[in-house]
Structure formats: structure tokens, C-alpha cells
Protein backbone atom coordinates (compact mmCIF):
# COMPACT_ATOMS: atom_id res chain seq x y z
CA MET A 1 85.98 142.93 134.31
CA PRO A 2 90.09 141.49 133.80
CA PHE A 3 89.26 138.27 136.03
CA MET A 4 86.72 137.78 133.06
CA VAL A 5 89.42 138.40 130.03
CA VAL A 6 91.62 135.95 131.52
CA VAL A 7 89.00 133.41 131.85
CA CYS A 8 88.00 133.63 128.25
CA LEU A 9 91.60 133.78 126.89
CA ILE A 10 92.31 130.12 128.91
CA LEU A 11 89.36 128.16 127.36
CA SER A 12 89.91 129.90 123.62
CA ALA A 13 93.53 128.73 124.59
CA CYS A 14 92.18 125.02 125.60
CA ASP A 15 90.07 125.20 122.80
CA LYS A 16 92.92 125.98 120.47
CA ASP A 17 94.94 123.15 121.73
CA ASP A 18 92.08 120.46 121.54
CA VAL A 19 92.12 121.27 117.70
CA LEU A 20 95.55 121.16 117.14
CA LEU A 21 95.71 118.28 119.67
CA SER A 22 93.35 116.20 117.54
CA GLU A 23 94.74 117.26 113.98
CA THR A 24 98.15 115.60 114.81
CA MET A 25 100.77 114.21 116.79
CA VAL A 26 103.90 116.22 118.14
CA TRP A 27 107.12 114.72 118.80
CA SER A 28 110.40 115.59 119.83
CA TYR A 29 113.19 112.47 120.45
CA GLU A 30 116.84 111.43 121.76
CA ILE A 31 119.77 109.47 120.39
CA LEU A 32 121.17 107.18 122.88
CA THR A 33 123.72 106.32 120.82
CA PRO A 34 124.23 109.27 118.15
CA ASP A 35 127.49 106.99 116.83
CA ASN A 36 124.67 104.48 115.55
CA VAL A 37 121.63 106.27 115.34
CA LYS A 38 120.91 109.34 113.01
CA PHE A 39 117.64 110.98 112.50
CA LEU A 40 117.08 111.78 108.67
CA GLY A 41 114.24 113.94 108.71
CA SER A 42 110.25 114.36 109.10
CA THR A 43 107.47 114.63 106.60
CA GLY A 44 103.47 115.51 106.26
CA ALA A 45 103.55 117.90 109.62
CA GLU A 46 99.53 117.96 108.98
CA GLY A 47 97.30 114.60 108.86
CA THR A 48 99.82 111.62 109.47
CA PRO A 49 103.36 113.05 110.08
CA LYS A 50 106.35 110.43 109.16
CA TYR A 51 109.64 110.31 111.23
CA SER A 52 112.94 108.63 109.63
CA PHE A 53 115.52 107.32 111.30
CA GLU A 54 118.88 104.87 110.29
CA ALA A 55 120.55 103.03 111.95
CA ASN A 56 123.90 100.75 111.56
CA GLY A 57 124.50 96.95 112.10
CA LYS A 58 126.05 98.36 115.88
CA GLN A 59 123.71 98.49 118.70
CA GLY A 60 121.85 101.54 119.15
CA ASP A 61 118.77 102.76 121.13
CA MET A 62 116.50 106.20 121.11
CA ILE A 63 113.75 107.00 122.55
CA MET A 64 110.25 108.98 121.31
CA THR A 65 108.14 111.18 123.16
CA CYS A 66 104.85 112.21 122.04
CA GLU A 67 104.46 115.79 123.57
CA ASN A 68 100.60 116.43 123.21
CA PHE A 69 99.35 112.91 123.55
CA PHE A 70 100.14 110.73 127.27
CA SER A 71 98.78 107.32 126.62
CA LEU A 72 99.72 105.55 123.03
CA ASN A 73 97.72 103.00 121.90
CA PRO A 74 99.46 99.12 121.35
CA ILE A 75 101.28 98.72 118.42
CA SER A 76 99.82 95.67 116.88
CA GLY A 77 96.54 93.87 118.67
CA ASP A 78 97.12 94.15 122.15
CA SER A 79 100.59 94.00 122.14
CA TYR A 80 102.66 97.12 123.54
CA THR A 81 106.04 95.67 121.41
CA TYR A 82 106.90 95.03 117.82
CA ASP A 83 110.01 93.11 117.00
CA CYS A 84 111.08 92.94 113.79
CA GLY A 85 114.23 90.81 114.21
CA TRP A 86 116.74 93.80 113.49
CA ALA A 87 114.69 97.08 115.51
CA MET A 88 112.63 96.22 118.73
CA LEU A 89 109.88 98.70 119.51
CA ARG A 90 108.01 99.58 122.79
CA VAL A 91 105.43 101.87 124.17
CA ASP A 92 105.61 103.06 127.32
CA ALA A 93 102.68 105.68 128.21
CA ASN A 94 103.39 108.59 125.95
CA GLN A 95 107.15 107.14 124.74
CA VAL A 96 108.10 104.91 122.35
CA LYS A 97 111.31 103.31 123.08
CA ILE A 98 113.64 101.57 120.20
CA HIS A 99 116.09 99.45 120.55
CA PHE A 100 118.37 97.99 117.66
CA PRO A 101 120.42 95.42 118.85
CA GLN A 102 123.70 94.13 117.75
CA TYR A 103 123.08 92.71 113.95
CA VAL A 104 124.47 91.36 111.12
CA SER A 105 122.51 90.33 108.03
CA ASP A 106 123.28 88.73 104.76
CA ALA A 107 121.30 91.35 102.80
CA GLN A 108 123.04 94.95 102.74
CA SER A 109 119.88 96.61 104.25
CA ALA A 110 116.55 96.71 105.96
CA TYR A 111 113.67 98.78 105.80
CA GLU A 112 110.73 98.77 108.20
CA GLU A 113 107.41 101.27 108.66
CA ILE A 114 106.14 100.93 111.69
CA ARG A 115 102.57 102.51 112.46
CA ILE A 116 102.12 104.71 115.93
CA SER A 117 98.63 105.90 117.17
CA ALA A 118 96.53 107.87 119.66
CA ASN A 119 92.96 108.53 120.44
CA ASP A 120 91.28 111.60 121.29
CA GLY A 121 87.76 111.01 122.31
CA GLU A 122 86.61 108.70 119.08
CA LYS A 123 89.28 109.96 116.76
CA THR A 124 91.84 108.35 116.43
CA VAL A 125 95.26 109.97 115.11
CA TYR A 126 98.59 108.20 113.92
CA THR A 127 102.66 108.55 113.39
CA ILE A 128 104.58 106.21 111.17
CA ILE A 129 108.10 105.86 112.22
CA CYS A 130 110.24 104.73 109.35
CA LEU A 131 113.23 102.55 110.51
CA SER A 132 116.05 101.77 108.63
CA ARG A 133 119.32 99.91 108.94
CA ASN A 134 122.52 99.58 106.94
CA PHE A 135 124.66 96.68 107.26
CA LYS A 136 126.89 96.94 104.16
CA ASP A 137 129.77 98.60 106.02
CA GLU A 138 129.61 95.69 109.24
CA GLY A 139 131.12 93.58 108.02
CA HIS A 140 130.32 89.83 107.87
CA THR A 141 132.54 86.70 109.68
CA ASP A 142 131.71 83.02 108.45
CA PRO A 143 130.77 81.05 111.31
CA GLU A 144 133.53 78.85 112.48
CA PRO A 145 131.98 76.19 114.75
CA GLU A 146 135.33 74.29 114.83
CA THR A 147 136.29 76.76 117.60
CA LEU A 148 133.79 76.38 119.78
CA PRO A 149 133.17 73.85 122.51
CA GLU A 150 130.82 71.14 121.85
CA GLU A 151 128.53 72.48 124.96
CA ALA A 152 128.33 75.85 122.68
CA LYS A 153 126.33 73.79 120.13
CA PHE A 154 122.71 73.36 118.99
CA LYS A 155 120.77 72.36 116.61
CA MET A 156 116.95 72.57 115.50
CA ILE A 157 114.53 69.89 115.02
CA MET A 158 110.76 70.25 113.68
CA ASN A 159 109.09 68.82 116.73
CA ASP A 160 104.91 68.57 115.50
CA PHE A 161 102.89 69.82 113.25
CA THR A 162 99.12 70.61 113.50
CA PRO A 163 96.71 69.84 110.21
CA LEU A 164 94.65 72.30 109.25
CA MET A 165 90.70 71.28 110.03
CA HIS A 166 92.55 68.54 111.96
CA LEU A 167 93.02 66.67 109.52
CA ASP A 168 94.83 62.87 109.58
CA SER A 169 97.82 63.96 107.43
CA PRO A 170 101.50 62.28 107.86
CA LEU A 171 102.71 64.72 106.18
CA PRO A 172 102.78 69.56 106.83
CA ALA A 173 101.01 71.30 104.20
CA PRO A 174 101.34 75.30 104.29
CA LEU A 175 98.51 76.51 106.27
CA ASP A 176 99.49 74.02 108.97
CA LEU A 177 100.93 74.83 112.10
CA ILE A 178 104.58 73.64 112.54
CA THR A 179 106.15 73.36 115.40
CA PHE A 180 110.15 73.62 115.74
CA ARG A 181 112.51 73.31 118.79
CA ILE A 182 116.36 74.19 119.61
CA THR A 183 118.11 71.59 121.26
CA ASP A 184 121.73 71.17 122.02
CA VAL A 185 124.04 69.74 119.82
CA ASN A 186 122.63 65.87 121.16
CA GLY A 187 119.17 66.45 120.72
CA GLU A 188 118.33 67.23 124.56
CA TYR A 189 115.63 69.80 124.95
CA SER A 190 115.15 71.96 127.95
CA PRO A 191 111.73 73.83 127.88
CA ILE A 192 112.15 75.74 130.89
CA ASP A 193 115.71 76.90 131.92
CA PHE A 194 118.29 78.97 129.79
CA PRO A 195 120.45 76.00 128.09
CA GLU A 196 123.71 75.80 128.58
CA PHE A 197 124.62 77.33 124.94
CA THR A 198 123.06 80.38 125.08
CA HIS A 199 125.64 81.50 127.41
CA TYR A 200 127.99 81.84 124.25
CA TYR A 201 126.18 84.60 122.50
CA ASP A 202 124.47 87.68 122.58
CA SER A 203 121.59 86.27 120.59
CA ILE A 204 120.39 83.36 118.24
CA VAL A 205 118.44 83.70 115.29
CA TRP A 206 116.00 81.91 113.05
CA SER A 207 116.25 82.65 108.89
CA ALA A 208 115.43 80.65 105.68
CA ASP A 209 116.20 80.94 102.29
CA ASN A 210 113.84 83.45 100.14
CA PHE A 211 112.34 85.05 103.01
CA PRO A 212 111.97 88.48 103.97
CA HIS A 213 112.09 88.18 107.73
CA THR A 214 114.08 87.00 110.85
CA PHE A 215 112.95 85.82 114.36
CA ARG A 216 115.34 85.84 117.06
CA VAL A 217 114.61 82.72 119.26
CA TYR A 218 117.18 83.87 122.23
CA GLU A 219 118.38 87.46 123.16
CA ASN A 220 120.30 88.67 126.02
CA ARG A 221 121.10 92.62 126.05
CA VAL A 222 121.85 95.16 128.55
CA THR A 223 119.47 98.29 128.91
CA ALA A 224 119.27 101.24 131.20
CA GLU A 225 117.00 98.64 133.38
CA GLY A 226 119.70 95.92 133.55
CA VAL A 227 120.43 92.62 131.42
CA GLU A 228 117.34 91.26 129.73
CA LYS A 229 117.60 87.98 128.61
CA HIS A 230 114.49 86.10 126.46
CA ILE A 231 114.32 82.40 124.78
CA SER A 232 111.68 80.99 122.92
CA THR A 233 113.13 77.22 123.07
CA GLN A 234 109.87 76.01 120.88
CA TRP A 235 108.30 78.46 118.09
CA SER A 236 105.27 77.72 115.75
CA SER A 237 104.66 79.30 112.42
CA HIS A 238 102.59 78.48 109.27
CA PHE A 239 104.24 78.62 105.49
CA PHE A 240 102.11 80.53 102.84
CA LYS A 241 103.20 78.26 99.71
CA SER A 242 104.94 74.61 99.76
CA GLY A 243 108.61 73.43 98.78
CA THR A 244 111.34 72.91 100.38
CA ILE A 245 112.88 75.37 102.47
CA LYS A 246 116.26 75.78 104.16
CA SER A 247 116.04 76.98 107.63
CA HIS A 248 119.47 78.32 109.80
CA LEU A 249 119.95 79.00 113.38
CA LYS A 250 123.02 81.61 113.84
CA GLY A 251 123.97 82.06 117.52
CA TYR A 252 125.87 85.87 117.47
CA ARG A 253 128.45 87.29 119.82
CA ASP A 254 129.70 90.51 119.22
CA GLY A 255 127.36 91.30 116.20
CA LYS A 256 129.51 88.28 114.61
CA ALA A 257 128.15 85.14 113.20
CA GLN A 258 129.77 82.33 115.61
CA TYR A 259 128.05 79.25 114.77
CA GLU A 260 125.09 78.21 112.51
CA THR A 261 123.12 74.63 112.07
CA SER A 262 120.56 74.46 109.42
CA HIS A 263 117.38 72.73 109.05
CA ASN A 264 115.94 71.21 105.34
CA MET A 265 111.71 71.23 105.50
CA THR A 266 109.76 69.94 102.61
CA ILE A 267 106.32 71.15 102.94
CA TYR A 268 103.57 69.27 100.59
CA GLU A 269 100.46 70.62 98.82
CA ARG A 270 97.02 68.96 99.10
CA ASP A 271 94.19 70.05 96.89
CA PHE A 272 94.77 73.64 97.57
CA LEU A 273 97.47 74.74 100.13
CA GLY A 274 96.65 72.74 103.34
CA LEU A 275 92.89 72.41 102.04
CA GLN A 276 91.52 68.54 101.34
CA TRP A 277 88.38 68.04 100.00
CA GLY A 278 86.00 65.69 101.24
CA ILE A 279 86.69 66.68 104.78
CA ILE A 280 83.64 68.92 105.73
CA VAL A 281 83.04 70.50 108.90
CA MET A 282 79.92 72.16 108.86
CA GLN A 283 79.57 71.93 112.56
CA LYS A 284 81.33 74.43 114.72
CA PRO A 285 83.97 75.22 112.39
CA GLU A 286 87.26 76.59 113.88
CA ASN A 287 88.87 79.60 111.89
CA LEU A 288 92.39 79.51 111.51
CA THR A 289 94.51 82.72 111.63
CA ALA A 290 97.56 81.80 109.55
CA TYR A 291 100.84 83.65 110.13
CA CYS A 292 104.57 82.97 109.04
CA LEU A 293 107.08 84.50 111.86
CA LEU A 294 109.47 84.42 108.78
CA ASP A 295 106.87 86.61 106.78
CA ARG A 296 105.07 89.13 108.64
CA ASP A 297 103.74 91.58 105.84
CA TYR A 298 100.78 88.81 105.37
CA GLU A 299 98.63 87.55 107.73
CA TYR A 300 95.34 85.63 106.57
CA LYS A 301 91.84 84.16 108.09
CA VAL A 302 91.14 80.46 106.88
CA TYR A 303 87.91 79.13 106.65
CA ASP A 304 87.22 75.70 107.37
CA ILE A 305 85.27 73.96 104.62
CA VAL A 306 81.50 74.44 105.03
CA ALA A 307 78.60 73.51 102.29
CA THR A 308 75.95 75.33 101.15
CA ASN A 309 72.98 72.46 99.92
CA ASP A 310 75.43 70.11 100.21
CA ALA A 311 78.12 72.05 98.01
CA PRO A 312 81.45 72.54 99.97
CA TYR A 313 83.33 75.88 100.11
CA SER A 314 86.31 77.25 101.73
CA GLN A 315 87.43 81.33 102.01
CA ILE A 316 90.76 82.91 102.85
CA ILE A 317 90.63 86.82 103.57
CA PRO A 318 93.48 88.86 104.38
CA MET A 319 93.91 89.72 108.05
CA ASN A 320 94.38 93.97 109.05
CA HIS A 321 97.44 93.09 111.68
CA LYS A 322 98.99 96.20 110.86
CA LEU A 323 96.21 98.23 111.80
CA LEU A 324 95.96 100.16 108.72
CA SER A 325 93.16 102.33 107.74
CA ASP A 326 90.46 101.99 105.49
CA ALA A 327 92.15 103.66 102.57
CA ASP A 328 95.30 101.47 102.78
CA PHE A 329 93.95 98.36 103.69
CA LEU A 330 92.02 98.04 100.98
CA PRO A 331 94.78 97.40 97.81
CA ALA A 332 96.90 96.02 100.87
CA THR A 333 94.16 92.61 100.69
CA GLU A 334 94.28 92.40 96.95
CA LYS A 335 98.28 92.52 97.05
CA ALA A 336 97.88 89.86 99.71
CA VAL A 337 95.75 87.68 97.64
CA LYS A 338 97.67 88.34 94.76
CA THR A 339 100.91 87.25 96.47
CA LEU A 340 99.08 84.23 97.85
CA MET A 341 98.28 82.99 94.28
CA LYS A 342 101.36 83.72 92.58
CA ASN A 343 103.09 81.53 95.09
CA ASN A 344 101.14 79.03 95.03
CA VAL A 345 99.08 78.85 91.14
CA GLY A 346 100.29 81.37 88.94
CA GLY A 347 99.20 84.35 87.97
CA GLY A 348 95.83 83.68 87.10
CA GLU A 349 93.07 85.42 84.63
CA ASP A 350 90.40 87.75 84.61
CA GLY A 351 87.61 86.38 86.60
CA LYS A 352 84.41 88.29 85.27
CA GLY A 353 82.30 85.66 83.79
CA LYS A 354 83.61 82.91 85.83
CA GLU A 355 80.97 83.09 88.37
CA ASN A 356 78.79 80.43 86.87
CA LEU A 357 81.38 77.84 87.72
CA PHE A 358 80.76 78.45 91.32
CA LYS A 359 77.71 76.73 93.48
CA CYS A 360 78.43 78.87 97.06
CA LEU A 361 79.07 82.37 95.79
CA PRO A 362 76.91 85.40 97.91
CA GLU A 363 74.00 86.69 95.48
CA LYS A 364 74.95 90.59 96.07
CA GLY A 365 78.10 92.67 97.29
CA VAL A 366 80.54 91.28 95.86
CA GLU A 367 82.25 91.17 92.58
CA ALA A 368 84.62 88.90 90.80
CA GLU A 369 88.31 90.14 89.71
CA TRP A 370 90.37 87.24 88.92
CA TYR A 371 90.15 83.41 88.72
CA TRP A 372 92.55 80.56 89.35
CA GLU A 373 92.58 76.99 89.08
CA ASN A 374 94.25 73.67 89.36
CA GLU A 375 93.69 69.98 89.19
CA THR A 376 91.41 69.94 92.33
CA THR A 377 89.68 73.33 92.74
CA ARG A 378 88.67 76.83 91.46
CA MET A 379 89.62 80.17 93.02
CA LEU A 380 87.74 83.50 92.82
CA MET A 381 88.92 86.42 93.61
CA LEU A 382 86.17 88.48 95.35
CA HIS A 383 85.44 92.21 95.94
CA ARG A 384 83.54 92.46 98.55
CA LEU A 385 81.80 96.11 98.09
CA SER A 386 81.36 98.62 101.10
CA ASP A 387 77.59 98.62 102.47
CA GLY A 388 78.37 101.98 103.78
CA THR A 389 78.56 101.11 107.53
CA ASP A 390 81.63 100.75 109.70
CA GLY A 391 80.89 96.78 110.64
CA PRO A 392 82.22 93.28 109.60
CA ALA A 393 81.59 93.63 106.03
CA GLN A 394 83.73 96.51 105.44
CA GLU A 395 85.46 96.48 101.61
CA LYS A 396 88.02 94.20 100.80
CA TYR A 397 89.16 91.60 98.68
CA TYR A 398 89.12 87.85 99.60
CA LEU A 399 89.89 84.47 98.37
CA HIS A 400 86.59 82.11 97.51
CA ILE A 401 87.48 78.46 96.63
CA GLU A 402 85.70 75.61 95.83
CA PRO A 403 86.14 71.91 94.44
CA LYS A 404 85.95 71.39 90.56
């Protein structure tokens, strides 16, 4: 009888742990650089907890450990790493290792929320890690290129672009994939080895005027595992609006900008963004995922122009690249569409009653919400209604596009 009582108690305890396991994620944390990183607090112990940390502009490291899940999901897609420019996260089993590189920003502060998840059978539970950095007290040293030797200098070039739908276009448009390179000051490109100029810097960072994020082209940092070096001598990005973009490449050492080069690039509008009417791909369309390394808040699926009864149309659908829940994803898609249109066409007008201007709208399952037009194109934001399933027809807002 005592043995049976012990067994029952053990089984009861296991059942209780299973319930707790499926309700929330339990975390501990260790700040390895307490002078530069501090814990601000946590909220939402039930459901989806939030843990908030703040770092200054100096180098910092910390580790978060999930105590009741022993295998965490990738942060985004299939990737177990996430880099927002001024903070890097890496999932390792049940730990999230966070590194704040030595960093100087023209902005006074920065903020990012990263969603971490784990699976308990068919259920997924989440935690949100809130990271902020305060740069205002770290100072900023203007670049002094004249103090550096020639071999320490570099420059940035636009190497090539791939037009949307493989159009024969001499000029880049926002939805084209534009490729850049970093070269030495004489324009010599080294695709494999670390160029000589990298020896003078801890990091080289790409940024652009009026864009919210940065992209680290080169980094040399010391970790507990040793020295890590990374370089992207060539990188590519789409842009979500036309116009002239002024880019900057800055080389940093000990948190101070030592050298800077800039690059001006003009992106041209076609009929609408990168679309051009008259070119219709009806066989095997190659739909594009458009991303911008300097504006990682949004990603879009851009559909090649196809036709229904000889009437051409296209669609632009926001992507759930941040792995948001269904409840959070719906308003995010509305914001993504309206932001894209505000930056390119303007405020628009109510879409109710505009359906008769379009030839290729779905017969059912959608509602017209907002309408825009320019000289060649009509655009309608549609609300795809939920069909009660978890399939690809999930509820969202997206853009339907047709020529006038």
C-alpha cells in the first residue's frame, strides 16, 4: 500500500508538470556583462511572458535558459539565429544566447521584440524577449578618413540587379533584387578571403537615410568560444519604394566610426513598383518573396502577372516572416499593405463600390477595403475572410492589382 501511494503521488506530480509545461515557458537568465546590460522586468507570467532587457552602446552578453522546455524552435523560418544589427540572438537547445556588439548609432535608442517558441505536442507556447539599447551617452566620433592608410579604405558599389519577372529593363525598380558589393578603395573585389581593409575594423555596417534598420557586412568579435569573423562581400535586397536612396558603409573600431563611404542610388517606378503591364507570364509563374535588409518589419509575396480570360492581374500578399500568431498576423497584414501604399501611391480611398472596376477579383471570400490608382494601375486592398480552416486561405489583408 505505501508503494502504491508513492506511485500515485509521482503520477499526480507528472500530470501537474504537464499542465504547467503547456501553459507557459519558465526562464532564468544570466547577465555576463552587468555593467552594460540590465534586466528591466517581466510581465505576463500566464500565457505569453515578456522579458525586458536594456543595454548601452558597449559590448554585452547574456544567456536565457528555458527551464521547462529542452528544445526551442528556430527564431525565424529555419534559422536559429537572429541579427537586428545592434543585437544578435542564437538558440542553442534550451538556451537563447544574446550578444550586444560594440555599437554606435546616430539614433539615441533602439528597440526590438523577438518571439521565442517551443512545442508541447501539438501546442506551441511563446515568450517575447524585449531588447532595447541606449546610445545617447556613448558619444559619436565623426569619421576621420584622412588618418587612415589607403589600404584601410573601402567603397560600396551596386553590382547588378535582377528585374521582377526577368523584364528587359535598364533601370532598377523597387521590387527588383539589387545586389551590392564592398570593394577596396580602388574597386578591387575579393569574393572569398577577408580583404586587407577588414583588419582595421571590428565591424562594417550598411545603413541608409530614412531606413529603420542596419545590416552588418563585416564583424570581428571575441566570444567564449574564441574569435569569430564574418563578412558578406556581396549582399542583395529589395526596396519597397522608389526614389533616390543614400546608403552608408561605416567601419567601426572600439565602438567609434573610423571610416565612412556613401553611395547614391535611384530606384525608378514602372507602372506600379516593379510591375509592368503588357508582359504576362501565364506559364509557370515565379512568385517572388520581396524583403528589405534595411526595413525588416515587412516582407511580401509578389505574384507574377497572370491573366484570367485575357485580363491581367497581380497580387502582393504580406508574409508572416516574424511567425506571429493568427490574432496578431491579421492587423499586421493590414498595416503592411497600407504602409506599402502610403509610401508609393498615397492615402487612397474607401474601396467599397470599387469592385466593378476590376475584372479578376475572387467571386467570394473577400471584401474590398481600400482603393488606390495611378496613371496606369488600379489597386484594391482586399480582406480575405476566414474559411474556418487552418489551411492557406487564412484570414488576411492583401493587395489586388490590375491595369486600367
